[in-house]
Amino acid sequence: MMNLGNLLTERRNPYTLDIDKVSSLEMCLLINEEDKRAAVAVRNVLPQIASAIDEIANRLANGGRLFYIGAGTSGRLGILDAVECPPTYSSDPEMVQGIIAGGYPAIFKAQEGAEDSLTLAQEDLKAKNLTEKDCVVGIAASGRTPYVIGGLEYANKVRALTVAISCSSNTLISAKAKIAIEALTGPEAITGSTRMKAGTAQKMILNMISTCVMIKLGKVYSNLMVDVKASNEKLKERACRIVMEAADCTKEQAQEALQKTGGKAKPAILMILLDCDYEKAQSLLAESKGFIAKALVKATR
């Protein structure tokens, strides 16, 4: 039997001992105070997060992929972050992927025992044809989930980049990763319920990783998601607003340019700013590896 008592995430929280005796508002206040600690814990590991971002961005820029692996809440958070990348940044669905212990059914219902396997993640990553060009980010609040440990060990064997995200000190997954991110969120409001502030901290870290990597891949201009995939009415409207903001133009001008680009905001912005056609805008973007700012500089030389 493993000793959970040694884990920071499993200790009893001294600030919430009477949470079952107070009003609903007081319960919320206690939980909110604990949530604040999650943000501080993330702030304390920003240098490690930044290192992971730089290495992941470099590999993805050279054809690599990013895999999040985890069990339970951690696995679901990885999937949540991964599936939001294509609509937000028009990234290939293969570029960022989430893998959870127990597979698809585990997204909706706990698959007991799957997280205890040291070999299951290896099989899952083998099925994805993991290579040295890829990145594997192992997520586990406790830092000792066998599924994640096994996945990181296999990733190391194939020389993929390995990153570990946990909420305890000197964890087993940290020892298996090139970059260890340990956000020490402390004991949960409800003892051991790591879906709470540990999960919040993990979500914040994953948001930073995917967002900053996409910025480094040229999918953001200023603070605008210029690679948004206009796949529904809301996103079409968002693409239009993005073009209006970036090109300082009217809605009619933005809509006309987007019609010519098939809904792609990037070339639409360049077409308006440079008064050029779609082919020229696409050529400038290709020469600039997708960066609008670099394309504008090239066009004015």
C-alpha atoms as a PDB file:
ATOM      1  CA  MET A   1       0.000   0.000   0.000  1.00  0.00           C
ATOM      2  CA  MET A   2       1.319   3.458  -0.895  1.00  0.00           C
ATOM      3  CA  ASN A   3       1.606   6.075   1.849  1.00  0.00           C
ATOM      4  CA  LEU A   4      -0.647   8.934   0.764  1.00  0.00           C
ATOM      5  CA  GLY A   5       0.106  10.776   3.987  1.00  0.00           C
ATOM      6  CA  ASN A   6       3.451  11.890   2.609  1.00  0.00           C
ATOM      7  CA  LEU A   7       1.790  13.764  -0.265  1.00  0.00           C
ATOM      8  CA  LEU A   8       1.128  17.482   0.129  1.00  0.00           C
ATOM      9  CA  THR A   9      -2.098  17.140  -1.852  1.00  0.00           C
ATOM     10  CA  GLU A  10      -3.425  14.514   0.581  1.00  0.00           C
ATOM     11  CA  ARG A  11      -2.867  16.411   3.835  1.00  0.00           C
ATOM     12  CA  ARG A  12      -5.701  17.874   5.875  1.00  0.00           C
ATOM     13  CA  ASN A  13      -6.285  21.599   5.398  1.00  0.00           C
ATOM     14  CA  PRO A  14      -6.229  23.502   8.729  1.00  0.00           C
ATOM     15  CA  TYR A  15      -8.233  26.407   7.284  1.00  0.00           C
ATOM     16  CA  THR A  16     -11.313  24.382   6.312  1.00  0.00           C
ATOM     17  CA  LEU A  17     -11.825  22.133   9.327  1.00  0.00           C
ATOM     18  CA  ASP A  18     -15.276  23.617   9.949  1.00  0.00           C
ATOM     19  CA  ILE A  19     -16.407  23.874   6.331  1.00  0.00           C
ATOM     20  CA  ASP A  20     -19.286  21.497   7.064  1.00  0.00           C
ATOM     21  CA  LYS A  21     -20.663  23.796   9.789  1.00  0.00           C
ATOM     22  CA  VAL A  22     -20.763  27.179   8.043  1.00  0.00           C
ATOM     23  CA  SER A  23     -23.163  28.921   5.660  1.00  0.00           C
ATOM     24  CA  SER A  24     -23.022  28.466   1.903  1.00  0.00           C
ATOM     25  CA  LEU A  25     -21.443  31.908   1.498  1.00  0.00           C
ATOM     26  CA  GLU A  26     -18.770  31.092   4.082  1.00  0.00           C
ATOM     27  CA  MET A  27     -18.073  27.790   2.280  1.00  0.00           C
ATOM     28  CA  CYS A  28     -17.572  29.722  -0.946  1.00  0.00           C
ATOM     29  CA  LEU A  29     -15.256  32.200   0.780  1.00  0.00           C
ATOM     30  CA  LEU A  30     -13.124  29.388   2.200  1.00  0.00           C
ATOM     31  CA  ILE A  31     -12.831  27.681  -1.191  1.00  0.00           C
ATOM     32  CA  ASN A  32     -12.104  31.015  -2.888  1.00  0.00           C
ATOM     33  CA  GLU A  33      -9.237  31.653  -0.465  1.00  0.00           C
ATOM     34  CA  GLU A  34      -7.779  28.271  -1.350  1.00  0.00           C
ATOM     35  CA  ASP A  35      -8.173  28.986  -5.072  1.00  0.00           C
ATOM     36  CA  LYS A  36      -6.027  32.099  -4.616  1.00  0.00           C
ATOM     37  CA  ARG A  37      -3.220  29.834  -3.433  1.00  0.00           C
ATOM     38  CA  ALA A  38      -3.383  27.990  -6.766  1.00  0.00           C
ATOM     39  CA  ALA A  39      -2.487  31.162  -8.673  1.00  0.00           C
ATOM     40  CA  VAL A  40       0.430  31.871  -6.323  1.00  0.00           C
ATOM     41  CA  ALA A  41       1.672  28.299  -6.719  1.00  0.00           C
ATOM     42  CA  VAL A  42       1.668  28.694 -10.504  1.00  0.00           C
ATOM     43  CA  ARG A  43       3.481  32.025 -10.269  1.00  0.00           C
ATOM     44  CA  ASN A  44       6.251  30.338  -8.286  1.00  0.00           C
ATOM     45  CA  VAL A  45       7.005  27.934 -11.163  1.00  0.00           C
ATOM     46  CA  LEU A  46       6.816  30.365 -14.095  1.00  0.00           C
ATOM     47  CA  PRO A  47      10.520  29.889 -15.012  1.00  0.00           C
ATOM     48  CA  GLN A  48       9.983  26.142 -15.421  1.00  0.00           C
ATOM     49  CA  ILE A  49       6.802  26.707 -17.418  1.00  0.00           C
ATOM     50  CA  ALA A  50       8.659  29.141 -19.691  1.00  0.00           C
ATOM     51  CA  SER A  51      11.422  26.577 -20.281  1.00  0.00           C
ATOM     52  CA  ALA A  52       8.818  23.988 -21.266  1.00  0.00           C
ATOM     53  CA  ILE A  53       7.152  26.462 -23.631  1.00  0.00           C
ATOM     54  CA  ASP A  54      10.420  27.245 -25.423  1.00  0.00           C
ATOM     55  CA  GLU A  55      11.331  23.601 -25.936  1.00  0.00           C
ATOM     56  CA  ILE A  56       7.829  22.539 -26.974  1.00  0.00           C
ATOM     57  CA  ALA A  57       7.504  25.430 -29.435  1.00  0.00           C
ATOM     58  CA  ASN A  58      10.831  24.552 -31.012  1.00  0.00           C
ATOM     59  CA  ARG A  59       9.803  20.938 -31.547  1.00  0.00           C
ATOM     60  CA  LEU A  60       6.352  21.784 -32.887  1.00  0.00           C
ATOM     61  CA  ALA A  61       7.883  24.307 -35.285  1.00  0.00           C
ATOM     62  CA  ASN A  62       9.938  21.444 -36.682  1.00  0.00           C
ATOM     63  CA  GLY A  63       7.089  19.004 -37.212  1.00  0.00           C
ATOM     64  CA  GLY A  64       6.783  17.552 -33.733  1.00  0.00           C
ATOM     65  CA  ARG A  65       3.621  16.932 -31.734  1.00  0.00           C
ATOM     66  CA  LEU A  66       2.552  17.592 -28.147  1.00  0.00           C
ATOM     67  CA  PHE A  67       0.937  14.842 -26.087  1.00  0.00           C
ATOM     68  CA  TYR A  68      -0.651  15.393 -22.674  1.00  0.00           C
ATOM     69  CA  ILE A  69      -0.950  12.200 -20.647  1.00  0.00           C
ATOM     70  CA  GLY A  70      -2.757  11.735 -17.366  1.00  0.00           C
ATOM     71  CA  ALA A  71      -5.421   9.876 -15.425  1.00  0.00           C
ATOM     72  CA  GLY A  72      -8.733  11.066 -14.012  1.00  0.00           C
ATOM     73  CA  THR A  73      -9.016  14.839 -13.611  1.00  0.00           C
ATOM     74  CA  SER A  74      -5.469  15.391 -14.874  1.00  0.00           C
ATOM     75  CA  GLY A  75      -6.122  13.392 -18.027  1.00  0.00           C
ATOM     76  CA  ARG A  76      -9.388  15.197 -18.685  1.00  0.00           C
ATOM     77  CA  LEU A  77      -7.696  18.589 -18.278  1.00  0.00           C
ATOM     78  CA  GLY A  78      -5.101  17.582 -20.873  1.00  0.00           C
ATOM     79  CA  ILE A  79      -7.842  16.575 -23.296  1.00  0.00           C
ATOM     80  CA  LEU A  80      -9.723  19.820 -22.645  1.00  0.00           C
ATOM     81  CA  ASP A  81      -6.656  21.893 -23.486  1.00  0.00           C
ATOM     82  CA  ALA A  82      -5.815  19.839 -26.574  1.00  0.00           C
ATOM     83  CA  VAL A  83      -9.266  19.880 -28.169  1.00  0.00           C
ATOM     84  CA  GLU A  84      -9.523  23.666 -27.879  1.00  0.00           C
ATOM     85  CA  CYS A  85      -6.396  24.267 -29.991  1.00  0.00           C
ATOM     86  CA  PRO A  86      -7.825  23.539 -33.491  1.00  0.00           C
ATOM     87  CA  PRO A  87     -10.814  25.923 -33.274  1.00  0.00           C
ATOM     88  CA  THR A  88      -8.807  28.628 -31.525  1.00  0.00           C
ATOM     89  CA  TYR A  89      -5.651  28.475 -33.632  1.00  0.00           C
ATOM     90  CA  SER A  90      -6.549  26.360 -36.691  1.00  0.00           C
ATOM     91  CA  SER A  91      -3.856  23.928 -35.602  1.00  0.00           C
ATOM     92  CA  ASP A  92      -3.835  20.416 -37.023  1.00  0.00           C
ATOM     93  CA  PRO A  93      -5.744  18.144 -34.585  1.00  0.00           C
ATOM     94  CA  GLU A  94      -2.678  15.902 -34.587  1.00  0.00           C
ATOM     95  CA  MET A  95      -0.412  18.690 -33.292  1.00  0.00           C
ATOM     96  CA  VAL A  96      -1.735  18.743 -29.699  1.00  0.00           C
ATOM     97  CA  GLN A  97      -3.393  15.611 -28.324  1.00  0.00           C
ATOM     98  CA  GLY A  98      -4.671  14.467 -24.955  1.00  0.00           C
ATOM     99  CA  ILE A  99      -4.353  10.849 -23.844  1.00  0.00           C
ATOM    100  CA  ILE A 100      -6.137   9.581 -20.734  1.00  0.00           C
ATOM    101  CA  ALA A 101      -5.655   6.341 -18.821  1.00  0.00           C
ATOM    102  CA  GLY A 102      -8.515   4.064 -19.815  1.00  0.00           C
ATOM    103  CA  GLY A 103      -9.084   5.703 -23.188  1.00  0.00           C
ATOM    104  CA  TYR A 104     -12.247   7.365 -24.496  1.00  0.00           C
ATOM    105  CA  PRO A 105     -14.649   5.891 -21.881  1.00  0.00           C
ATOM    106  CA  ALA A 106     -12.517   7.404 -19.080  1.00  0.00           C
ATOM    107  CA  ILE A 107     -13.342  10.920 -20.273  1.00  0.00           C
ATOM    108  CA  PHE A 108     -16.909  10.451 -19.013  1.00  0.00           C
ATOM    109  CA  LYS A 109     -16.631   7.717 -16.393  1.00  0.00           C
ATOM    110  CA  ALA A 110     -13.790   6.660 -14.119  1.00  0.00           C
ATOM    111  CA  GLN A 111     -12.003   3.536 -15.361  1.00  0.00           C
ATOM    112  CA  GLU A 112     -10.809   1.949 -12.149  1.00  0.00           C
ATOM    113  CA  GLY A 113      -7.315   0.492 -12.259  1.00  0.00           C
ATOM    114  CA  ALA A 114      -6.220   2.034 -15.564  1.00  0.00           C
ATOM    115  CA  GLU A 115      -4.033   4.612 -13.831  1.00  0.00           C
ATOM    116  CA  ASP A 116      -2.175   1.880 -11.930  1.00  0.00           C
ATOM    117  CA  SER A 117      -0.599   0.390 -15.069  1.00  0.00           C
ATOM    118  CA  LEU A 118       3.044   1.194 -15.856  1.00  0.00           C
ATOM    119  CA  THR A 119       2.703  -0.186 -19.388  1.00  0.00           C
ATOM    120  CA  LEU A 120      -0.633   1.179 -20.602  1.00  0.00           C
ATOM    121  CA  ALA A 121       0.687   4.667 -21.434  1.00  0.00           C
ATOM    122  CA  GLN A 122       3.580   3.087 -23.314  1.00  0.00           C
ATOM    123  CA  GLU A 123       1.072   1.192 -25.466  1.00  0.00           C
ATOM    124  CA  ASP A 124      -0.966   4.376 -25.987  1.00  0.00           C
ATOM    125  CA  LEU A 125       2.107   6.360 -27.067  1.00  0.00           C
ATOM    126  CA  LYS A 126       3.337   3.554 -29.304  1.00  0.00           C
ATOM    127  CA  ALA A 127      -0.043   3.641 -31.036  1.00  0.00           C
ATOM    128  CA  LYS A 128       0.634   7.320 -31.755  1.00  0.00           C
ATOM    129  CA  ASN A 129       4.059   6.462 -33.242  1.00  0.00           C
ATOM    130  CA  LEU A 130       5.855   8.699 -30.745  1.00  0.00           C
ATOM    131  CA  THR A 131       9.253   9.907 -31.997  1.00  0.00           C
ATOM    132  CA  GLU A 132      12.158  12.028 -30.797  1.00  0.00           C
ATOM    133  CA  LYS A 133      10.562  15.039 -32.500  1.00  0.00           C
ATOM    134  CA  ASP A 134       7.573  14.909 -30.135  1.00  0.00           C
ATOM    135  CA  CYS A 135       6.818  16.187 -26.610  1.00  0.00           C
ATOM    136  CA  VAL A 136       5.107  14.349 -23.757  1.00  0.00           C
ATOM    137  CA  VAL A 137       3.692  16.299 -20.816  1.00  0.00           C
ATOM    138  CA  GLY A 138       2.785  14.036 -17.900  1.00  0.00           C
ATOM    139  CA  ILE A 139       0.144  15.454 -15.541  1.00  0.00           C
ATOM    140  CA  ALA A 140      -0.539  14.094 -12.042  1.00  0.00           C
ATOM    141  CA  ALA A 141      -1.418  16.140  -8.963  1.00  0.00           C
ATOM    142  CA  SER A 142       0.210  13.570  -6.683  1.00  0.00           C
ATOM    143  CA  GLY A 143       3.159  13.132  -9.002  1.00  0.00           C
ATOM    144  CA  ARG A 144       3.181   9.378  -8.548  1.00  0.00           C
ATOM    145  CA  THR A 145       0.546   8.000 -10.951  1.00  0.00           C
ATOM    146  CA  PRO A 146       1.983   4.796 -12.511  1.00  0.00           C
ATOM    147  CA  TYR A 147       0.312   5.473 -15.885  1.00  0.00           C
ATOM    148  CA  VAL A 148       2.137   8.794 -16.170  1.00  0.00           C
ATOM    149  CA  ILE A 149       5.436   7.393 -14.886  1.00  0.00           C
ATOM    150  CA  GLY A 150       5.352   4.623 -17.492  1.00  0.00           C
ATOM    151  CA  GLY A 151       4.510   7.090 -20.252  1.00  0.00           C
ATOM    152  CA  LEU A 152       7.377   9.402 -19.372  1.00  0.00           C
ATOM    153  CA  GLU A 153       9.803   6.468 -19.155  1.00  0.00           C
ATOM    154  CA  TYR A 154       8.831   5.358 -22.654  1.00  0.00           C
ATOM    155  CA  ALA A 155       9.055   8.914 -23.986  1.00  0.00           C
ATOM    156  CA  ASN A 156      12.581   9.156 -22.603  1.00  0.00           C
ATOM    157  CA  LYS A 157      13.520   5.937 -24.383  1.00  0.00           C
ATOM    158  CA  VAL A 158      12.534   7.377 -27.747  1.00  0.00           C
ATOM    159  CA  ARG A 159      14.184  10.712 -26.799  1.00  0.00           C
ATOM    160  CA  ALA A 160      11.004  12.753 -26.926  1.00  0.00           C
ATOM    161  CA  LEU A 161      10.916  15.877 -24.747  1.00  0.00           C
ATOM    162  CA  THR A 162       9.453  15.037 -21.332  1.00  0.00           C
ATOM    163  CA  VAL A 163       7.727  17.495 -18.993  1.00  0.00           C
ATOM    164  CA  ALA A 164       6.074  16.684 -15.653  1.00  0.00           C
ATOM    165  CA  ILE A 165       3.327  18.753 -14.010  1.00  0.00           C
ATOM    166  CA  SER A 166       2.501  17.920 -10.395  1.00  0.00           C
ATOM    167  CA  CYS A 167       1.382  19.599  -7.173  1.00  0.00           C
ATOM    168  CA  SER A 168       3.771  17.956  -4.709  1.00  0.00           C
ATOM    169  CA  SER A 169       7.498  18.181  -3.981  1.00  0.00           C
ATOM    170  CA  ASN A 170      10.215  15.928  -5.409  1.00  0.00           C
ATOM    171  CA  THR A 171       7.704  13.720  -7.168  1.00  0.00           C
ATOM    172  CA  LEU A 172       8.295  10.485  -9.038  1.00  0.00           C
ATOM    173  CA  ILE A 173       7.161  11.991 -12.329  1.00  0.00           C
ATOM    174  CA  SER A 174       9.523  14.947 -11.828  1.00  0.00           C
ATOM    175  CA  ALA A 175      12.405  12.478 -11.624  1.00  0.00           C
ATOM    176  CA  LYS A 176      11.354  11.035 -15.007  1.00  0.00           C
ATOM    177  CA  ALA A 177      11.126  14.357 -16.859  1.00  0.00           C
ATOM    178  CA  LYS A 178      13.609  16.736 -18.453  1.00  0.00           C
ATOM    179  CA  ILE A 179      11.552  19.669 -17.147  1.00  0.00           C
ATOM    180  CA  ALA A 180       9.741  19.362 -13.817  1.00  0.00           C
ATOM    181  CA  ILE A 181       6.935  21.764 -12.916  1.00  0.00           C
ATOM    182  CA  GLU A 182       5.831  21.370  -9.285  1.00  0.00           C
ATOM    183  CA  ALA A 183       3.071  23.831  -8.387  1.00  0.00           C
ATOM    184  CA  LEU A 184       2.706  23.427  -4.631  1.00  0.00           C
ATOM    185  CA  THR A 185      -0.962  24.229  -4.097  1.00  0.00           C
ATOM    186  CA  GLY A 186      -1.104  22.694  -0.628  1.00  0.00           C
ATOM    187  CA  PRO A 187      -3.874  20.677   1.050  1.00  0.00           C
ATOM    188  CA  GLU A 188      -7.288  20.818  -0.588  1.00  0.00           C
ATOM    189  CA  ALA A 189     -10.376  22.395   0.988  1.00  0.00           C
ATOM    190  CA  ILE A 190     -11.799  18.870   1.028  1.00  0.00           C
ATOM    191  CA  THR A 191      -8.952  16.525   1.905  1.00  0.00           C
ATOM    192  CA  GLY A 192      -7.550  14.742  -1.133  1.00  0.00           C
ATOM    193  CA  SER A 193     -10.018  16.280  -3.624  1.00  0.00           C
ATOM    194  CA  THR A 194      -7.361  17.277  -6.152  1.00  0.00           C
ATOM    195  CA  ARG A 195      -9.973  18.177  -8.763  1.00  0.00           C
ATOM    196  CA  MET A 196     -10.157  21.449  -6.819  1.00  0.00           C
ATOM    197  CA  LYS A 197      -7.174  23.821  -6.562  1.00  0.00           C
ATOM    198  CA  ALA A 198      -4.618  21.274  -7.804  1.00  0.00           C
ATOM    199  CA  GLY A 199      -6.795  20.866 -10.887  1.00  0.00           C
ATOM    200  CA  THR A 200      -7.146  24.637 -11.154  1.00  0.00           C
ATOM    201  CA  ALA A 201      -3.368  25.070 -11.087  1.00  0.00           C
ATOM    202  CA  GLN A 202      -2.916  22.344 -13.714  1.00  0.00           C
ATOM    203  CA  LYS A 203      -5.491  24.038 -15.950  1.00  0.00           C
ATOM    204  CA  MET A 204      -3.687  27.368 -15.588  1.00  0.00           C
ATOM    205  CA  ILE A 205      -0.351  25.786 -16.502  1.00  0.00           C
ATOM    206  CA  LEU A 206      -1.775  23.979 -19.530  1.00  0.00           C
ATOM    207  CA  ASN A 207      -3.425  27.221 -20.671  1.00  0.00           C
ATOM    208  CA  MET A 208      -0.050  28.954 -20.487  1.00  0.00           C
ATOM    209  CA  ILE A 209       1.772  26.195 -22.333  1.00  0.00           C
ATOM    210  CA  SER A 210      -0.626  25.887 -25.267  1.00  0.00           C
ATOM    211  CA  THR A 211      -1.276  29.631 -25.553  1.00  0.00           C
ATOM    212  CA  CYS A 212       2.372  30.672 -25.426  1.00  0.00           C
ATOM    213  CA  VAL A 213       3.419  27.903 -27.816  1.00  0.00           C
ATOM    214  CA  MET A 214       0.798  29.048 -30.328  1.00  0.00           C
ATOM    215  CA  ILE A 215       2.012  32.645 -29.979  1.00  0.00           C
ATOM    216  CA  LYS A 216       5.526  31.429 -30.741  1.00  0.00           C
ATOM    217  CA  LEU A 217       4.199  29.619 -33.813  1.00  0.00           C
ATOM    218  CA  GLY A 218       2.783  32.870 -35.235  1.00  0.00           C
ATOM    219  CA  LYS A 219      -0.862  32.162 -34.491  1.00  0.00           C
ATOM    220  CA  VAL A 220      -1.358  35.411 -32.560  1.00  0.00           C
ATOM    221  CA  TYR A 221      -0.916  39.008 -33.790  1.00  0.00           C
ATOM    222  CA  SER A 222      -0.781  41.538 -30.959  1.00  0.00           C
ATOM    223  CA  ASN A 223      -3.279  39.789 -28.661  1.00  0.00           C
ATOM    224  CA  LEU A 224      -5.615  38.668 -31.438  1.00  0.00           C
ATOM    225  CA  MET A 225      -6.211  34.992 -32.334  1.00  0.00           C
ATOM    226  CA  VAL A 226      -5.652  35.606 -36.025  1.00  0.00           C
ATOM    227  CA  ASP A 227      -5.628  31.896 -36.885  1.00  0.00           C
ATOM    228  CA  VAL A 228      -9.126  31.322 -35.509  1.00  0.00           C
ATOM    229  CA  LYS A 229     -11.046  28.664 -37.431  1.00  0.00           C
ATOM    230  CA  ALA A 230     -14.330  30.259 -38.515  1.00  0.00           C
ATOM    231  CA  SER A 231     -16.304  27.018 -38.311  1.00  0.00           C
ATOM    232  CA  ASN A 232     -19.574  28.328 -36.837  1.00  0.00           C
ATOM    233  CA  GLU A 233     -21.521  31.590 -36.676  1.00  0.00           C
ATOM    234  CA  LYS A 234     -19.888  32.756 -33.444  1.00  0.00           C
ATOM    235  CA  LEU A 235     -16.394  32.111 -34.785  1.00  0.00           C
ATOM    236  CA  LYS A 236     -17.228  33.756 -38.107  1.00  0.00           C
ATOM    237  CA  GLU A 237     -18.266  36.867 -36.218  1.00  0.00           C
ATOM    238  CA  ARG A 238     -15.110  36.654 -34.115  1.00  0.00           C
ATOM    239  CA  ALA A 239     -12.958  36.400 -37.236  1.00  0.00           C
ATOM    240  CA  CYS A 240     -14.665  39.504 -38.613  1.00  0.00           C
ATOM    241  CA  ARG A 241     -14.046  41.449 -35.408  1.00  0.00           C
ATOM    242  CA  ILE A 242     -10.413  40.321 -35.377  1.00  0.00           C
ATOM    243  CA  VAL A 243      -9.872  41.611 -38.913  1.00  0.00           C
ATOM    244  CA  MET A 244     -11.586  44.895 -38.012  1.00  0.00           C
ATOM    245  CA  GLU A 245      -9.337  45.340 -34.961  1.00  0.00           C
ATOM    246  CA  ALA A 246      -6.088  44.323 -36.651  1.00  0.00           C
ATOM    247  CA  ALA A 247      -6.646  46.240 -39.893  1.00  0.00           C
ATOM    248  CA  ASP A 248      -8.582  49.160 -38.371  1.00  0.00           C
ATOM    249  CA  CYS A 249     -11.280  48.767 -41.002  1.00  0.00           C
ATOM    250  CA  THR A 250     -15.053  48.687 -41.292  1.00  0.00           C
ATOM    251  CA  LYS A 251     -17.159  45.562 -40.887  1.00  0.00           C
ATOM    252  CA  GLU A 252     -17.965  45.660 -44.590  1.00  0.00           C
ATOM    253  CA  GLN A 253     -14.274  45.728 -45.535  1.00  0.00           C
ATOM    254  CA  ALA A 254     -13.522  42.872 -43.160  1.00  0.00           C
ATOM    255  CA  GLN A 255     -16.387  40.749 -44.486  1.00  0.00           C
ATOM    256  CA  GLU A 256     -15.346  41.369 -48.096  1.00  0.00           C
ATOM    257  CA  ALA A 257     -11.739  40.359 -47.393  1.00  0.00           C
ATOM    258  CA  LEU A 258     -12.810  37.267 -45.438  1.00  0.00           C
ATOM    259  CA  GLN A 259     -15.047  36.185 -48.299  1.00  0.00           C
ATOM    260  CA  LYS A 260     -12.018  36.251 -50.600  1.00  0.00           C
ATOM    261  CA  THR A 261      -9.878  34.247 -48.164  1.00  0.00           C
ATOM    262  CA  GLY A 262     -12.452  31.598 -47.312  1.00  0.00           C
ATOM    263  CA  GLY A 263     -12.797  32.924 -43.767  1.00  0.00           C
ATOM    264  CA  LYS A 264      -9.064  33.101 -42.982  1.00  0.00           C
ATOM    265  CA  ALA A 265      -8.309  36.171 -40.891  1.00  0.00           C
ATOM    266  CA  LYS A 266      -4.537  36.301 -41.435  1.00  0.00           C
ATOM    267  CA  PRO A 267      -4.471  36.909 -45.191  1.00  0.00           C
ATOM    268  CA  ALA A 268      -7.568  39.114 -44.891  1.00  0.00           C
ATOM    269  CA  ILE A 269      -5.686  41.410 -42.514  1.00  0.00           C
ATOM    270  CA  LEU A 270      -2.694  41.648 -44.851  1.00  0.00           C
ATOM    271  CA  MET A 271      -4.901  42.243 -47.885  1.00  0.00           C
ATOM    272  CA  ILE A 272      -6.426  45.291 -46.195  1.00  0.00           C
ATOM    273  CA  LEU A 273      -3.257  46.656 -44.582  1.00  0.00           C
ATOM    274  CA  LEU A 274      -1.147  46.242 -47.728  1.00  0.00           C
ATOM    275  CA  ASP A 275      -3.881  46.718 -50.307  1.00  0.00           C
ATOM    276  CA  CYS A 276      -2.840  43.481 -52.010  1.00  0.00           C
ATOM    277  CA  ASP A 277      -4.589  40.395 -53.369  1.00  0.00           C
ATOM    278  CA  TYR A 278      -5.032  37.036 -51.660  1.00  0.00           C
ATOM    279  CA  GLU A 279      -2.145  35.364 -53.499  1.00  0.00           C
ATOM    280  CA  LYS A 280       0.306  38.091 -52.422  1.00  0.00           C
ATOM    281  CA  ALA A 281      -0.901  37.903 -48.815  1.00  0.00           C
ATOM    282  CA  GLN A 282      -0.483  34.122 -48.760  1.00  0.00           C
ATOM    283  CA  SER A 283       2.985  34.397 -50.288  1.00  0.00           C
ATOM    284  CA  LEU A 284       4.091  36.898 -47.637  1.00  0.00           C
ATOM    285  CA  LEU A 285       2.728  34.667 -44.870  1.00  0.00           C
ATOM    286  CA  ALA A 286       4.563  31.636 -46.261  1.00  0.00           C
ATOM    287  CA  GLU A 287       7.836  33.582 -46.419  1.00  0.00           C
ATOM    288  CA  SER A 288       7.266  34.763 -42.836  1.00  0.00           C
ATOM    289  CA  LYS A 289       6.293  31.321 -41.466  1.00  0.00           C
ATOM    290  CA  GLY A 290       2.821  32.575 -40.626  1.00  0.00           C
ATOM    291  CA  PHE A 291       3.804  35.651 -38.609  1.00  0.00           C
ATOM    292  CA  ILE A 292       1.787  38.727 -39.605  1.00  0.00           C
ATOM    293  CA  ALA A 293       4.267  41.159 -38.033  1.00  0.00           C
ATOM    294  CA  LYS A 294       7.143  39.651 -40.009  1.00  0.00           C
ATOM    295  CA  ALA A 295       5.068  39.673 -43.194  1.00  0.00           C
ATOM    296  CA  LEU A 296       4.405  43.390 -42.762  1.00  0.00           C
ATOM    297  CA  VAL A 297       8.110  44.079 -42.346  1.00  0.00           C
ATOM    298  CA  LYS A 298       8.923  42.065 -45.485  1.00  0.00           C
ATOM    299  CA  ALA A 299       6.316  43.948 -47.484  1.00  0.00           C
ATOM    300  CA  THR A 300       7.781  47.338 -46.578  1.00  0.00           C
ATOM    301  CA  ARG A 301      11.393  46.530 -47.394  1.00  0.00           C
END
